[in-house]
Amino acid sequence: MLRWVLLALFISLCANAEAQKKKGKTQTVPLSRGWGKNIKWVKSYEEGLSEIAKSQKPLMVIHHLDNCPHSKALKEAFVADKSLQKMAKEDFIMLNVVEETGDKNLAPDGYYVPRILFVDPAQTVRADIVGQHSDRLYTYSPDDMEHLAANMKKAKLLLHSEL
């Protein structure tokens, strides 16, 4: 009798562990992290570099933190702007990261969030495409969406005129 009780207990523990494992899988964070669900996002900087080589599209890297109010505000403005979403979907390889990549080229003026940088298919970080703030060159605020759109267009034009 004790064997049957132990066997039943073991089976229920295994079933519970399997259910927890499945539950953990369904709660994974999507690659978009809320920046645009209709956009194809790459998983890592290395994957982004590989994709730009194949597609000849520029890479747009968005550095942010989930709990940063400035990052949240920028994300909301970015998602609300349909022209930015369309350009991001059609003309760029997109990456958003909440952890630094380790590539010092992606922090030309420091490690802060939010910041957005562009990388061309020759794997050159476009340090010449900057935001409107002199103290943090690659940051954008919700009021800067027109400037960000102009910089996205600039990244596309430079790509075609320089390659």
Protein backbone atom coordinates (compact mmCIF):
# COMPACT_ATOMS: atom_id res chain seq x y z
CA MET A 1 0.00 0.00 0.00
CA LEU A 2 2.84 2.39 0.90
CA ARG A 3 4.40 1.75 -2.51
CA TRP A 4 1.21 2.85 -4.26
CA VAL A 5 1.02 6.01 -2.20
CA LEU A 6 4.67 6.83 -2.94
CA LEU A 7 4.16 6.06 -6.63
CA ALA A 8 1.10 8.34 -6.77
CA LEU A 9 3.03 11.09 -4.96
CA PHE A 10 5.96 10.73 -7.37
CA ILE A 11 3.67 10.89 -10.41
CA SER A 12 1.89 14.00 -9.11
CA LEU A 13 5.25 15.69 -8.42
CA CYS A 14 6.41 14.91 -11.96
CA ALA A 15 3.16 16.20 -13.45
CA ASN A 16 3.42 19.38 -11.37
CA ALA A 17 7.03 19.91 -12.45
CA GLU A 18 6.04 19.47 -16.11
CA ALA A 19 3.18 21.95 -15.69
CA GLN A 20 5.56 24.50 -14.13
CA LYS A 21 8.02 23.96 -16.97
CA LYS A 22 5.31 24.61 -19.57
CA LYS A 23 4.05 27.62 -17.65
CA GLY A 24 7.57 29.11 -17.67
CA LYS A 25 7.78 28.67 -21.43
CA THR A 26 4.55 30.53 -22.08
CA GLN A 27 5.69 33.52 -20.05
CA THR A 28 8.73 34.33 -22.15
CA VAL A 29 9.11 37.95 -23.13
CA PRO A 30 8.53 38.59 -26.85
CA LEU A 31 11.45 40.08 -28.77
CA SER A 32 9.45 43.25 -29.39
CA ARG A 33 9.32 44.02 -25.66
CA GLY A 34 6.41 46.31 -26.52
CA TRP A 35 8.19 48.33 -29.23
CA GLY A 36 6.02 47.05 -32.10
CA LYS A 37 4.53 43.59 -32.40
CA ASN A 38 4.27 43.73 -36.21
CA ILE A 39 7.99 44.36 -36.59
CA LYS A 40 10.45 41.51 -36.99
CA TRP A 41 13.01 41.79 -34.18
CA VAL A 42 16.36 40.02 -33.97
CA LYS A 43 17.46 38.32 -30.75
CA SER A 44 20.97 39.69 -30.44
CA TYR A 45 23.47 42.15 -31.82
CA GLU A 46 25.35 39.32 -33.51
CA GLU A 47 22.17 38.13 -35.22
CA GLY A 48 21.48 41.73 -36.27
CA LEU A 49 24.92 42.01 -37.87
CA SER A 50 24.34 38.77 -39.72
CA GLU A 51 20.93 39.95 -40.96
CA ILE A 52 22.20 43.31 -42.23
CA ALA A 53 24.88 41.53 -44.23
CA LYS A 54 22.21 39.36 -45.89
CA SER A 55 19.52 42.00 -46.39
CA GLN A 56 21.68 45.10 -46.98
CA LYS A 57 19.33 47.00 -44.65
CA PRO A 58 20.62 49.13 -41.77
CA LEU A 59 20.33 47.90 -38.18
CA MET A 60 18.52 50.11 -35.67
CA VAL A 61 19.55 49.35 -32.09
CA ILE A 62 17.34 50.63 -29.29
CA HIS A 63 18.93 50.51 -25.82
CA HIS A 64 16.35 50.78 -23.04
CA LEU A 65 15.32 49.52 -19.63
CA ASP A 66 11.89 48.17 -18.75
CA ASN A 67 11.69 50.14 -15.50
CA CYS A 68 13.04 53.45 -16.85
CA PRO A 69 10.33 56.14 -17.20
CA HIS A 70 12.18 57.80 -20.10
CA SER A 71 12.43 54.46 -21.94
CA LYS A 72 8.73 53.77 -21.35
CA ALA A 73 7.73 57.21 -22.65
CA LEU A 74 9.91 56.78 -25.75
CA LYS A 75 8.47 53.32 -26.37
CA GLU A 76 4.90 54.64 -26.19
CA ALA A 77 5.69 57.47 -28.62
CA PHE A 78 7.51 55.08 -30.99
CA VAL A 79 4.62 52.60 -31.02
CA ALA A 80 2.03 55.35 -31.52
CA ASP A 81 3.81 56.75 -34.60
CA LYS A 82 2.58 54.67 -37.54
CA SER A 83 5.19 56.04 -39.96
CA LEU A 84 8.02 55.00 -37.63
CA GLN A 85 6.47 51.56 -37.22
CA LYS A 86 6.15 51.19 -41.01
CA MET A 87 9.77 52.23 -41.65
CA ALA A 88 11.02 49.96 -38.88
CA LYS A 89 9.09 47.02 -40.31
CA GLU A 90 10.01 47.54 -43.97
CA ASP A 91 13.40 49.22 -44.08
CA PHE A 92 15.41 48.15 -41.01
CA ILE A 93 16.68 45.19 -39.12
CA MET A 94 15.46 45.93 -35.60
CA LEU A 95 17.01 45.13 -32.24
CA ASN A 96 16.00 46.35 -28.82
CA VAL A 97 18.19 45.47 -25.89
CA VAL A 98 17.82 45.83 -22.16
CA GLU A 99 21.37 44.65 -21.50
CA GLU A 100 24.50 46.14 -22.99
CA THR A 101 26.00 44.29 -25.94
CA GLY A 102 29.61 44.66 -24.86
CA ASP A 103 30.50 46.41 -28.12
CA LYS A 104 31.96 49.77 -27.12
CA ASN A 105 31.08 51.15 -30.56
CA LEU A 106 27.42 51.06 -29.47
CA ALA A 107 28.17 53.48 -26.64
CA PRO A 108 30.15 56.25 -28.38
CA ASP A 109 29.26 58.82 -25.73
CA GLY A 110 28.43 56.57 -22.78
CA TYR A 111 26.14 53.90 -21.44
CA TYR A 112 22.75 55.50 -20.87
CA VAL A 113 19.17 54.74 -21.78
CA PRO A 114 17.29 55.27 -23.86
CA ARG A 115 19.60 55.60 -26.83
CA ILE A 116 19.21 54.65 -30.47
CA LEU A 117 22.04 53.95 -32.87
CA PHE A 118 22.18 52.90 -36.49
CA VAL A 119 24.60 50.36 -37.98
CA ASP A 120 25.09 50.10 -41.74
CA PRO A 121 25.57 46.79 -43.62
CA ALA A 122 29.34 47.35 -43.60
CA GLN A 123 28.96 46.96 -39.80
CA THR A 124 29.85 50.61 -39.16
CA VAL A 125 28.07 52.31 -36.31
CA ARG A 126 26.78 55.59 -37.75
CA ALA A 127 28.05 57.98 -35.09
CA ASP A 128 27.04 60.86 -37.39
CA ILE A 129 23.31 60.15 -36.99
CA VAL A 130 22.45 61.82 -33.69
CA GLY A 131 19.47 63.09 -31.76
CA GLN A 132 18.80 66.67 -30.73
CA HIS A 133 20.37 66.58 -27.25
CA SER A 134 23.95 67.79 -26.93
CA ASP A 135 24.64 66.07 -23.60
CA ARG A 136 23.49 62.62 -24.80
CA LEU A 137 23.85 62.48 -28.54
CA TYR A 138 21.89 59.28 -29.21
CA THR A 139 18.91 59.80 -26.95
CA TYR A 140 15.43 60.70 -28.09
CA SER A 141 12.42 61.89 -26.13
CA PRO A 142 8.75 61.44 -27.04
CA ASP A 143 8.82 64.94 -28.56
CA ASP A 144 11.63 63.89 -30.95
CA MET A 145 9.68 61.46 -33.16
CA GLU A 146 9.95 63.73 -36.23
CA HIS A 147 13.70 63.96 -35.72
CA LEU A 148 13.93 60.18 -35.26
CA ALA A 149 11.95 59.69 -38.48
CA ALA A 150 14.33 62.06 -40.29
CA ASN A 151 17.30 60.11 -38.92
CA MET A 152 15.79 56.81 -40.03
CA LYS A 153 15.37 58.25 -43.53
CA LYS A 154 18.95 59.54 -43.36
CA ALA A 155 20.21 56.08 -42.40
CA LYS A 156 18.44 54.62 -45.44
CA LEU A 157 19.68 57.33 -47.82
CA LEU A 158 23.27 57.15 -46.58
CA LEU A 159 23.15 53.42 -47.05
CA HIS A 160 22.18 53.67 -50.70
CA SER A 161 24.48 56.59 -51.53
CA GLU A 162 27.58 55.18 -49.82
CA LEU A 163 27.48 51.53 -50.79
